[in-house]
Amino acid sequence: MQRKKPVIPRTAIFAGGCFWCTEAIFTQLDGVLEVIPGYTGGHVAHPTYEQVRTGTTGHAEAVMIIYDTEKITYDRLLEVFFATHDPTQLNRQGNDVGPQYRSAIFYTNQGQKETAEAYIRFLEEQGVYDSPIVTEVVPASEFWPAEDYHKNYLENHPENPYCQYVILPKLEKFRKRFGEWLKE
């Protein structure tokens, strides 16, 4: 009998605008085990959505991605991250405005930091964007999971106008581009 190889999960933490959008995208990827919306990068302990949305806590809406390194790489997660939000917009994504919607990579080890910085250099050298990339690459700090009603937001609230007009079109575009990487 052949022994099954154990899953070795890793963690990536990204902020790319509204965490409802980011969660909806990353949950689709094969190899992603869990996506947890939350808050990180700020100075308030146990922040709430109501506090973070004011833009005064220093926290960003972010997602913690737990992934299986046998199925998906950190490089691939970075590629999806940069392709599914605008990393040239400072403190905003579309109509979501404020430092809580900033573009940031919260690295958990030196390898993630170096990989993220190298990927940003590559994108800039290739001229992928018309404006400079403003994505922060900063050490991970305490990650505070969001309130339960934010988890699987699109799945639980598909009728919400934000889901209809922002998340679903973004998700459709993502699926067309990265279809071969999706869960079956």
N, C-alpha and C. Protein backbone atom coordinates (compact mmCIF):
# COMPACT_ATOMS: atom_id res chain seq x y z
N MET A 1 0.84 -1.19 0.00
CA MET A 1 0.00 0.00 0.00
C MET A 1 0.88 1.24 0.00
N GLN A 2 0.57 2.14 -0.91
CA GLN A 2 1.35 3.36 -1.02
C GLN A 2 0.81 4.40 -0.04
N ARG A 3 1.73 5.04 0.68
CA ARG A 3 1.33 6.06 1.65
C ARG A 3 1.07 7.37 0.94
N LYS A 4 0.00 8.01 1.34
CA LYS A 4 -0.34 9.31 0.77
C LYS A 4 0.57 10.38 1.35
N LYS A 5 1.06 11.23 0.49
CA LYS A 5 1.93 12.31 0.92
C LYS A 5 1.13 13.32 1.74
N PRO A 6 1.64 13.75 2.88
CA PRO A 6 0.89 14.70 3.70
C PRO A 6 0.83 16.09 3.04
N VAL A 7 -0.27 16.76 3.25
CA VAL A 7 -0.42 18.12 2.75
C VAL A 7 0.39 19.05 3.65
N ILE A 8 1.21 19.88 3.03
CA ILE A 8 1.99 20.86 3.79
C ILE A 8 1.42 22.23 3.46
N PRO A 9 0.52 22.73 4.29
CA PRO A 9 -0.08 24.03 3.97
C PRO A 9 0.87 25.19 4.26
N ARG A 10 0.72 26.21 3.48
CA ARG A 10 1.44 27.46 3.67
C ARG A 10 0.41 28.59 3.71
N THR A 11 0.87 29.75 4.10
CA THR A 11 -0.02 30.90 4.24
C THR A 11 0.50 32.06 3.40
N ALA A 12 -0.41 32.73 2.71
CA ALA A 12 -0.12 33.97 2.00
C ALA A 12 -1.17 34.99 2.46
N ILE A 13 -0.76 36.24 2.61
CA ILE A 13 -1.70 37.29 3.03
C ILE A 13 -1.61 38.44 2.03
N PHE A 14 -2.74 38.72 1.39
CA PHE A 14 -2.82 39.77 0.38
C PHE A 14 -3.95 40.74 0.69
N ALA A 15 -3.72 42.00 0.36
CA ALA A 15 -4.78 43.01 0.39
C ALA A 15 -4.84 43.61 -1.00
N GLY A 16 -6.02 43.55 -1.60
CA GLY A 16 -6.17 44.06 -2.96
C GLY A 16 -7.54 44.67 -3.15
N GLY A 17 -7.93 45.54 -2.23
CA GLY A 17 -9.25 46.14 -2.29
C GLY A 17 -10.21 45.41 -1.37
N CYS A 18 -11.46 45.39 -1.74
CA CYS A 18 -12.49 44.75 -0.93
C CYS A 18 -12.20 43.26 -0.76
N PHE A 19 -12.21 42.80 0.48
CA PHE A 19 -11.89 41.38 0.70
C PHE A 19 -12.96 40.44 0.18
N TRP A 20 -14.16 40.91 -0.08
CA TRP A 20 -15.18 40.06 -0.70
C TRP A 20 -14.73 39.63 -2.09
N CYS A 21 -14.17 40.57 -2.86
CA CYS A 21 -13.68 40.27 -4.21
C CYS A 21 -12.48 39.33 -4.16
N THR A 22 -11.53 39.65 -3.31
CA THR A 22 -10.30 38.87 -3.23
C THR A 22 -10.60 37.44 -2.79
N GLU A 23 -11.49 37.30 -1.80
CA GLU A 23 -11.87 35.97 -1.34
C GLU A 23 -12.53 35.17 -2.47
N ALA A 24 -13.45 35.79 -3.19
CA ALA A 24 -14.18 35.10 -4.26
C ALA A 24 -13.22 34.56 -5.31
N ILE A 25 -12.17 35.28 -5.60
CA ILE A 25 -11.20 34.85 -6.61
C ILE A 25 -10.35 33.69 -6.10
N PHE A 26 -9.72 33.87 -4.96
CA PHE A 26 -8.76 32.86 -4.48
C PHE A 26 -9.42 31.55 -4.08
N THR A 27 -10.68 31.57 -3.67
CA THR A 27 -11.35 30.31 -3.32
C THR A 27 -11.53 29.42 -4.55
N GLN A 28 -11.45 29.99 -5.74
CA GLN A 28 -11.64 29.23 -6.98
C GLN A 28 -10.41 28.42 -7.39
N LEU A 29 -9.24 28.77 -6.86
CA LEU A 29 -7.98 28.16 -7.32
C LEU A 29 -7.75 26.77 -6.75
N ASP A 30 -7.38 25.85 -7.63
CA ASP A 30 -7.01 24.51 -7.20
C ASP A 30 -5.77 24.62 -6.33
N GLY A 31 -5.80 23.98 -5.19
CA GLY A 31 -4.67 24.04 -4.26
C GLY A 31 -4.90 24.99 -3.11
N VAL A 32 -5.87 25.88 -3.24
CA VAL A 32 -6.21 26.77 -2.13
C VAL A 32 -7.17 26.01 -1.23
N LEU A 33 -6.77 25.86 0.01
CA LEU A 33 -7.54 25.08 0.97
C LEU A 33 -8.57 25.93 1.70
N GLU A 34 -8.20 27.18 1.99
CA GLU A 34 -9.11 28.08 2.71
C GLU A 34 -8.70 29.52 2.47
N VAL A 35 -9.70 30.41 2.43
CA VAL A 35 -9.46 31.84 2.32
C VAL A 35 -10.22 32.51 3.45
N ILE A 36 -9.50 33.24 4.27
CA ILE A 36 -10.09 33.88 5.44
C ILE A 36 -10.04 35.39 5.26
N PRO A 37 -11.19 36.06 5.16
CA PRO A 37 -11.16 37.52 5.10
C PRO A 37 -10.86 38.09 6.48
N GLY A 38 -10.14 39.20 6.50
CA GLY A 38 -9.82 39.81 7.79
C GLY A 38 -9.13 41.14 7.63
N TYR A 39 -8.50 41.53 8.71
CA TYR A 39 -7.87 42.85 8.80
C TYR A 39 -6.44 42.67 9.30
N THR A 40 -5.52 43.44 8.72
CA THR A 40 -4.13 43.38 9.15
C THR A 40 -3.40 44.66 8.75
N GLY A 41 -2.26 44.86 9.38
CA GLY A 41 -1.40 45.99 9.02
C GLY A 41 -1.67 47.26 9.79
N GLY A 42 -2.55 47.21 10.77
CA GLY A 42 -2.91 48.42 11.50
C GLY A 42 -2.49 48.40 12.96
N HIS A 43 -3.03 49.35 13.70
CA HIS A 43 -2.63 49.54 15.10
C HIS A 43 -3.75 49.29 16.11
N VAL A 44 -4.91 48.83 15.68
CA VAL A 44 -6.04 48.59 16.56
C VAL A 44 -6.19 47.09 16.78
N ALA A 45 -6.23 46.67 18.04
CA ALA A 45 -6.43 45.26 18.36
C ALA A 45 -7.90 44.90 18.20
N HIS A 46 -8.15 43.70 17.72
CA HIS A 46 -9.51 43.18 17.54
C HIS A 46 -10.41 44.16 16.78
N PRO A 47 -9.96 44.63 15.61
CA PRO A 47 -10.76 45.63 14.88
C PRO A 47 -12.06 45.02 14.35
N THR A 48 -13.04 45.87 14.20
CA THR A 48 -14.31 45.47 13.60
C THR A 48 -14.40 46.09 12.21
N TYR A 49 -15.31 45.57 11.42
CA TYR A 49 -15.55 46.13 10.09
C TYR A 49 -15.92 47.60 10.19
N GLU A 50 -16.75 47.93 11.15
CA GLU A 50 -17.18 49.33 11.32
C GLU A 50 -15.99 50.24 11.62
N GLN A 51 -15.02 49.75 12.38
CA GLN A 51 -13.82 50.55 12.67
C GLN A 51 -12.92 50.65 11.43
N VAL A 52 -12.67 49.53 10.79
CA VAL A 52 -11.75 49.50 9.65
C VAL A 52 -12.27 50.34 8.50
N ARG A 53 -13.57 50.31 8.26
CA ARG A 53 -14.12 51.05 7.13
C ARG A 53 -13.96 52.56 7.26
N THR A 54 -13.64 53.05 8.46
CA THR A 54 -13.40 54.49 8.63
C THR A 54 -12.05 54.92 8.06
N GLY A 55 -11.15 53.94 7.86
CA GLY A 55 -9.82 54.26 7.35
C GLY A 55 -8.87 54.78 8.40
N THR A 56 -9.24 54.72 9.66
CA THR A 56 -8.40 55.29 10.73
C THR A 56 -7.65 54.26 11.56
N THR A 57 -7.85 52.98 11.31
CA THR A 57 -7.21 51.93 12.12
C THR A 57 -5.84 51.51 11.61
N GLY A 58 -5.52 51.91 10.38
CA GLY A 58 -4.28 51.46 9.75
C GLY A 58 -4.40 50.08 9.12
N HIS A 59 -5.49 49.38 9.40
CA HIS A 59 -5.67 48.03 8.84
C HIS A 59 -6.13 48.10 7.39
N ALA A 60 -5.77 47.06 6.66
CA ALA A 60 -6.27 46.84 5.31
C ALA A 60 -7.24 45.68 5.36
N GLU A 61 -8.26 45.71 4.50
CA GLU A 61 -9.07 44.53 4.28
C GLU A 61 -8.17 43.56 3.52
N ALA A 62 -8.01 42.38 4.05
CA ALA A 62 -7.06 41.42 3.48
C ALA A 62 -7.64 40.01 3.52
N VAL A 63 -6.95 39.11 2.87
CA VAL A 63 -7.30 37.69 2.95
C VAL A 63 -6.07 36.90 3.33
N MET A 64 -6.29 35.92 4.20
CA MET A 64 -5.26 34.94 4.51
C MET A 64 -5.60 33.70 3.70
N ILE A 65 -4.66 33.30 2.87
CA ILE A 65 -4.87 32.16 1.97
C ILE A 65 -4.05 31.00 2.50
N ILE A 66 -4.72 29.91 2.80
CA ILE A 66 -4.05 28.68 3.20
C ILE A 66 -4.01 27.79 1.96
N TYR A 67 -2.80 27.40 1.53
CA TYR A 67 -2.69 26.66 0.28
C TYR A 67 -1.76 25.47 0.40
N ASP A 68 -1.98 24.52 -0.49
CA ASP A 68 -1.22 23.28 -0.57
C ASP A 68 -0.08 23.48 -1.57
N THR A 69 1.15 23.44 -1.07
CA THR A 69 2.31 23.70 -1.92
C THR A 69 2.54 22.62 -2.97
N GLU A 70 1.88 21.49 -2.82
CA GLU A 70 2.00 20.43 -3.83
C GLU A 70 1.12 20.74 -5.05
N LYS A 71 0.14 21.63 -4.88
CA LYS A 71 -0.80 21.93 -5.97
C LYS A 71 -0.67 23.35 -6.52
N ILE A 72 -0.21 24.27 -5.71
CA ILE A 72 -0.12 25.66 -6.17
C ILE A 72 1.09 26.32 -5.50
N THR A 73 1.73 27.19 -6.24
CA THR A 73 2.92 27.87 -5.73
C THR A 73 2.60 29.29 -5.30
N TYR A 74 3.49 29.84 -4.50
CA TYR A 74 3.36 31.25 -4.10
C TYR A 74 3.46 32.14 -5.34
N ASP A 75 4.30 31.77 -6.28
CA ASP A 75 4.44 32.54 -7.53
C ASP A 75 3.10 32.63 -8.27
N ARG A 76 2.39 31.52 -8.32
CA ARG A 76 1.10 31.51 -9.01
C ARG A 76 0.09 32.39 -8.26
N LEU A 77 0.11 32.33 -6.94
CA LEU A 77 -0.77 33.19 -6.15
C LEU A 77 -0.47 34.66 -6.44
N LEU A 78 0.81 34.99 -6.53
CA LEU A 78 1.19 36.38 -6.86
C LEU A 78 0.68 36.78 -8.24
N GLU A 79 0.81 35.88 -9.20
CA GLU A 79 0.34 36.18 -10.56
C GLU A 79 -1.16 36.50 -10.55
N VAL A 80 -1.93 35.69 -9.85
CA VAL A 80 -3.38 35.92 -9.75
C VAL A 80 -3.65 37.22 -9.01
N PHE A 81 -2.95 37.47 -7.92
CA PHE A 81 -3.12 38.69 -7.14
C PHE A 81 -2.95 39.93 -8.02
N PHE A 82 -1.85 39.99 -8.76
CA PHE A 82 -1.58 41.18 -9.57
C PHE A 82 -2.52 41.28 -10.77
N ALA A 83 -3.00 40.17 -11.27
CA ALA A 83 -3.88 40.19 -12.45
C ALA A 83 -5.33 40.54 -12.10
N THR A 84 -5.68 40.49 -10.82
CA THR A 84 -7.10 40.65 -10.46
C THR A 84 -7.40 41.90 -9.64
N HIS A 85 -6.45 42.81 -9.57
CA HIS A 85 -6.72 44.13 -8.99
C HIS A 85 -5.73 45.10 -9.63
N ASP A 86 -5.92 46.38 -9.39
CA ASP A 86 -5.03 47.38 -9.98
C ASP A 86 -3.98 47.79 -8.95
N PRO A 87 -2.76 47.27 -9.08
CA PRO A 87 -1.72 47.57 -8.11
C PRO A 87 -1.10 48.96 -8.26
N THR A 88 -1.64 49.75 -9.18
CA THR A 88 -1.13 51.11 -9.37
C THR A 88 -2.01 52.16 -8.69
N GLN A 89 -3.12 51.74 -8.13
CA GLN A 89 -4.02 52.68 -7.45
C GLN A 89 -3.64 52.76 -5.98
N LEU A 90 -3.30 53.95 -5.52
CA LEU A 90 -2.91 54.15 -4.13
C LEU A 90 -4.16 54.29 -3.25
N ASN A 91 -4.26 53.42 -2.27
CA ASN A 91 -5.35 53.49 -1.28
C ASN A 91 -6.74 53.45 -1.89
N ARG A 92 -6.90 52.61 -2.88
CA ARG A 92 -8.23 52.44 -3.47
C ARG A 92 -8.23 51.29 -4.46
N GLN A 93 -9.43 50.81 -4.74
CA GLN A 93 -9.69 49.90 -5.85
C GLN A 93 -11.05 50.30 -6.38
N GLY A 94 -11.07 50.89 -7.55
CA GLY A 94 -12.33 51.35 -8.12
C GLY A 94 -12.99 52.37 -7.22
N ASN A 95 -14.26 52.11 -6.86
CA ASN A 95 -15.00 53.04 -6.01
C ASN A 95 -14.74 52.84 -4.52
N ASP A 96 -13.99 51.81 -4.17
CA ASP A 96 -13.63 51.58 -2.77
C ASP A 96 -12.39 52.40 -2.47
N VAL A 97 -12.55 53.46 -1.67
CA VAL A 97 -11.48 54.42 -1.45
C VAL A 97 -11.10 54.48 0.03
N GLY A 98 -9.81 54.54 0.29
CA GLY A 98 -9.28 54.67 1.64
C GLY A 98 -8.12 53.72 1.84
N PRO A 99 -7.29 53.97 2.86
CA PRO A 99 -6.12 53.11 3.09
C PRO A 99 -6.49 51.66 3.42
N GLN A 100 -7.72 51.43 3.83
CA GLN A 100 -8.17 50.06 4.11
C GLN A 100 -8.31 49.24 2.83
N TYR A 101 -8.27 49.90 1.67
CA TYR A 101 -8.38 49.22 0.38
C TYR A 101 -7.06 49.23 -0.39
N ARG A 102 -5.97 49.48 0.32
CA ARG A 102 -4.66 49.55 -0.34
C ARG A 102 -4.24 48.17 -0.88
N SER A 103 -3.29 48.22 -1.78
CA SER A 103 -2.69 47.01 -2.33
C SER A 103 -1.46 46.68 -1.49
N ALA A 104 -1.45 45.47 -0.91
CA ALA A 104 -0.33 45.09 -0.05
C ALA A 104 -0.12 43.59 -0.04
N ILE A 105 1.13 43.22 0.10
CA ILE A 105 1.53 41.84 0.31
C ILE A 105 2.15 41.80 1.70
N PHE A 106 1.58 40.99 2.56
CA PHE A 106 2.09 40.84 3.92
C PHE A 106 2.85 39.51 3.96
N TYR A 107 4.17 39.60 3.82
CA TYR A 107 4.96 38.38 3.72
C TYR A 107 5.18 37.73 5.09
N THR A 108 5.22 36.40 5.07
CA THR A 108 5.38 35.64 6.30
C THR A 108 6.80 35.08 6.47
N ASN A 109 7.62 35.23 5.45
CA ASN A 109 9.02 34.80 5.55
C ASN A 109 9.85 35.53 4.49
N GLN A 110 11.14 35.41 4.60
CA GLN A 110 12.06 36.10 3.70
C GLN A 110 11.87 35.67 2.24
N GLY A 111 11.59 34.39 2.04
CA GLY A 111 11.37 33.90 0.68
C GLY A 111 10.19 34.58 0.01
N GLN A 112 9.08 34.74 0.74
CA GLN A 112 7.92 35.45 0.18
C GLN A 112 8.27 36.89 -0.14
N LYS A 113 9.02 37.54 0.74
CA LYS A 113 9.41 38.94 0.51
C LYS A 113 10.22 39.05 -0.78
N GLU A 114 11.23 38.22 -0.92
CA GLU A 114 12.10 38.28 -2.09
C GLU A 114 11.34 37.94 -3.37
N THR A 115 10.47 36.95 -3.29
CA THR A 115 9.67 36.55 -4.46
C THR A 115 8.73 37.68 -4.88
N ALA A 116 8.07 38.31 -3.92
CA ALA A 116 7.14 39.40 -4.22
C ALA A 116 7.88 40.60 -4.82
N GLU A 117 9.02 40.96 -4.23
CA GLU A 117 9.79 42.09 -4.75
C GLU A 117 10.31 41.80 -6.16
N ALA A 118 10.75 40.58 -6.39
CA ALA A 118 11.24 40.20 -7.72
C ALA A 118 10.10 40.23 -8.74
N TYR A 119 8.92 39.79 -8.35
CA TYR A 119 7.78 39.79 -9.26
C TYR A 119 7.37 41.23 -9.62
N ILE A 120 7.39 42.10 -8.65
CA ILE A 120 7.07 43.52 -8.91
C ILE A 120 8.11 44.11 -9.87
N ARG A 121 9.38 43.82 -9.64
CA ARG A 121 10.42 44.31 -10.56
C ARG A 121 10.17 43.80 -11.98
N PHE A 122 9.83 42.52 -12.10
CA PHE A 122 9.55 41.91 -13.40
C PHE A 122 8.39 42.65 -14.08
N LEU A 123 7.29 42.87 -13.35
CA LEU A 123 6.14 43.56 -13.94
C LEU A 123 6.51 44.97 -14.40
N GLU A 124 7.31 45.66 -13.60
CA GLU A 124 7.72 47.02 -13.97
C GLU A 124 8.66 47.01 -15.17
N GLU A 125 9.60 46.08 -15.20
CA GLU A 125 10.53 45.98 -16.34
C GLU A 125 9.79 45.64 -17.63
N GLN A 126 8.74 44.83 -17.53
CA GLN A 126 7.96 44.44 -18.69
C GLN A 126 6.96 45.52 -19.11
N GLY A 127 6.80 46.56 -18.29
CA GLY A 127 5.86 47.64 -18.61
C GLY A 127 4.42 47.17 -18.64
N VAL A 128 4.07 46.25 -17.75
CA VAL A 128 2.73 45.69 -17.72
C VAL A 128 1.68 46.76 -17.40
N TYR A 129 2.04 47.71 -16.56
CA TYR A 129 1.11 48.78 -16.17
C TYR A 129 1.62 50.12 -16.67
N ASP A 130 0.69 51.03 -16.94
CA ASP A 130 1.05 52.35 -17.42
C ASP A 130 1.58 53.25 -16.31
N SER A 131 1.24 52.94 -15.06
CA SER A 131 1.67 53.72 -13.90
C SER A 131 2.51 52.83 -12.99
N PRO A 132 3.28 53.44 -12.10
CA PRO A 132 4.10 52.65 -11.18
C PRO A 132 3.24 51.80 -10.23
N ILE A 133 3.76 50.64 -9.89
CA ILE A 133 3.10 49.76 -8.92
C ILE A 133 3.31 50.35 -7.53
N VAL A 134 2.22 50.47 -6.77
CA VAL A 134 2.29 51.03 -5.41
C VAL A 134 2.04 49.97 -4.34
N THR A 135 1.98 48.72 -4.73
CA THR A 135 1.75 47.63 -3.77
C THR A 135 2.83 47.63 -2.71
N GLU A 136 2.41 47.65 -1.45
CA GLU A 136 3.35 47.55 -0.34
C GLU A 136 3.77 46.09 -0.17
N VAL A 137 5.03 45.89 0.16
CA VAL A 137 5.52 44.57 0.53
C VAL A 137 6.05 44.74 1.95
N VAL A 138 5.27 44.26 2.92
CA VAL A 138 5.57 44.50 4.33
C VAL A 138 5.45 43.21 5.13
N PRO A 139 6.14 43.15 6.27
CA PRO A 139 6.05 41.94 7.08
C PRO A 139 4.62 41.73 7.60
N ALA A 140 4.22 40.48 7.66
CA ALA A 140 2.90 40.16 8.21
C ALA A 140 2.90 40.53 9.69
N SER A 141 1.77 41.04 10.12
CA SER A 141 1.56 41.33 11.53
C SER A 141 0.31 40.55 11.96
N GLU A 142 -0.21 40.86 13.09
CA GLU A 142 -1.40 40.15 13.57
C GLU A 142 -2.51 40.22 12.53
N PHE A 143 -3.09 39.07 12.23
CA PHE A 143 -4.20 39.00 11.29
C PHE A 143 -5.46 38.75 12.11
N TRP A 144 -6.44 39.64 11.95
CA TRP A 144 -7.69 39.55 12.69
C TRP A 144 -8.79 39.08 11.74
N PRO A 145 -9.28 37.85 11.89
CA PRO A 145 -10.37 37.40 11.03
C PRO A 145 -11.58 38.34 11.11
N ALA A 146 -12.20 38.55 9.97
CA ALA A 146 -13.38 39.42 9.91
C ALA A 146 -14.57 38.71 10.54
N GLU A 147 -15.60 39.47 10.76
CA GLU A 147 -16.84 38.94 11.31
C GLU A 147 -17.35 37.82 10.40
N ASP A 148 -18.07 36.88 10.98
CA ASP A 148 -18.54 35.69 10.25
C ASP A 148 -19.32 36.02 8.99
N TYR A 149 -20.08 37.10 8.98
CA TYR A 149 -20.91 37.39 7.81
C TYR A 149 -20.09 37.77 6.58
N HIS A 150 -18.80 38.04 6.74
CA HIS A 150 -17.95 38.35 5.58
C HIS A 150 -17.43 37.08 4.91
N LYS A 151 -17.40 35.97 5.61
CA LYS A 151 -16.88 34.71 5.07
C LYS A 151 -17.80 34.21 3.95
N ASN A 152 -17.20 33.85 2.82
CA ASN A 152 -17.95 33.37 1.66
C ASN A 152 -19.07 34.35 1.27
N TYR A 153 -18.72 35.61 1.24
CA TYR A 153 -19.73 36.65 1.05
C TYR A 153 -20.49 36.50 -0.26
N LEU A 154 -19.79 36.30 -1.35
CA LEU A 154 -20.47 36.17 -2.65
C LEU A 154 -21.41 34.96 -2.64
N GLU A 155 -20.94 33.85 -2.14
CA GLU A 155 -21.75 32.64 -2.10
C GLU A 155 -23.02 32.84 -1.25
N ASN A 156 -22.88 33.57 -0.17
CA ASN A 156 -24.00 33.76 0.75
C ASN A 156 -24.90 34.95 0.42
N HIS A 157 -24.42 35.87 -0.42
CA HIS A 157 -25.19 37.08 -0.75
C HIS A 157 -25.12 37.41 -2.24
N PRO A 158 -25.41 36.45 -3.12
CA PRO A 158 -25.25 36.71 -4.56
C PRO A 158 -26.17 37.81 -5.07
N GLU A 159 -27.24 38.11 -4.36
CA GLU A 159 -28.18 39.14 -4.79
C GLU A 159 -27.72 40.56 -4.44
N ASN A 160 -26.71 40.68 -3.59
CA ASN A 160 -26.20 41.99 -3.19
C ASN A 160 -25.73 42.75 -4.44
N PRO A 161 -26.13 44.01 -4.60
CA PRO A 161 -25.71 44.78 -5.79
C PRO A 161 -24.19 44.84 -5.97
N TYR A 162 -23.44 44.93 -4.88
CA TYR A 162 -21.98 44.96 -4.99
C TYR A 162 -21.49 43.65 -5.63
N CYS A 163 -22.07 42.55 -5.22
CA CYS A 163 -21.71 41.25 -5.80
C CYS A 163 -22.06 41.22 -7.29
N GLN A 164 -23.22 41.70 -7.64
CA GLN A 164 -23.71 41.68 -9.02
C GLN A 164 -22.86 42.55 -9.94
N TYR A 165 -22.52 43.75 -9.48
CA TYR A 165 -21.89 44.73 -10.37
C TYR A 165 -20.38 44.83 -10.25
N VAL A 166 -19.81 44.30 -9.17
CA VAL A 166 -18.36 44.39 -9.00
C VAL A 166 -17.72 43.00 -8.98
N ILE A 167 -18.19 42.13 -8.08
CA ILE A 167 -17.51 40.84 -7.90
C ILE A 167 -17.74 39.90 -9.08
N LEU A 168 -18.98 39.73 -9.51
CA LEU A 168 -19.25 38.76 -10.58
C LEU A 168 -18.54 39.09 -11.89
N PRO A 169 -18.53 40.36 -12.35
CA PRO A 169 -17.76 40.64 -13.57
C PRO A 169 -16.26 40.39 -13.40
N LYS A 170 -15.73 40.71 -12.22
CA LYS A 170 -14.31 40.46 -11.96
C LYS A 170 -14.03 38.96 -11.96
N LEU A 171 -14.92 38.20 -11.37
CA LEU A 171 -14.77 36.75 -11.30
C LEU A 171 -14.86 36.11 -12.69
N GLU A 172 -15.75 36.60 -13.52
CA GLU A 172 -15.89 36.08 -14.88
C GLU A 172 -14.60 36.32 -15.68
N LYS A 173 -14.05 37.50 -15.57
CA LYS A 173 -12.80 37.85 -16.26
C LYS A 173 -11.66 36.94 -15.75
N PHE A 174 -11.60 36.76 -14.44
CA PHE A 174 -10.59 35.90 -13.83
C PHE A 174 -10.71 34.46 -14.36
N ARG A 175 -11.93 33.92 -14.40
CA ARG A 175 -12.13 32.53 -14.84
C ARG A 175 -11.71 32.34 -16.29
N LYS A 176 -11.95 33.34 -17.13
CA LYS A 176 -11.54 33.24 -18.54
C LYS A 176 -10.01 33.18 -18.65
N ARG A 177 -9.34 33.98 -17.85
CA ARG A 177 -7.88 34.06 -17.96
C ARG A 177 -7.18 32.86 -17.30
N PHE A 178 -7.72 32.41 -16.15
CA PHE A 178 -7.03 31.39 -15.38
C PHE A 178 -7.83 30.08 -15.28
N GLY A 179 -8.64 29.79 -16.28
CA GLY A 179 -9.51 28.62 -16.25
C GLY A 179 -8.81 27.31 -15.95
N GLU A 180 -7.61 27.13 -16.45
CA GLU A 180 -6.91 25.86 -16.24
C GLU A 180 -6.40 25.70 -14.81
N TRP A 181 -6.44 26.74 -14.01
CA TRP A 181 -5.96 26.68 -12.63
C TRP A 181 -7.10 26.52 -11.61
N LEU A 182 -8.32 26.43 -12.10
CA LEU A 182 -9.47 26.41 -11.18
C LEU A 182 -9.76 25.01 -10.65
N LYS A 183 -10.43 24.99 -9.51
CA LYS A 183 -10.89 23.73 -8.94
C LYS A 183 -11.93 23.13 -9.88
N GLU A 184 -12.03 21.82 -9.87
CA GLU A 184 -13.02 21.16 -10.73
C GLU A 184 -14.38 21.16 -10.06
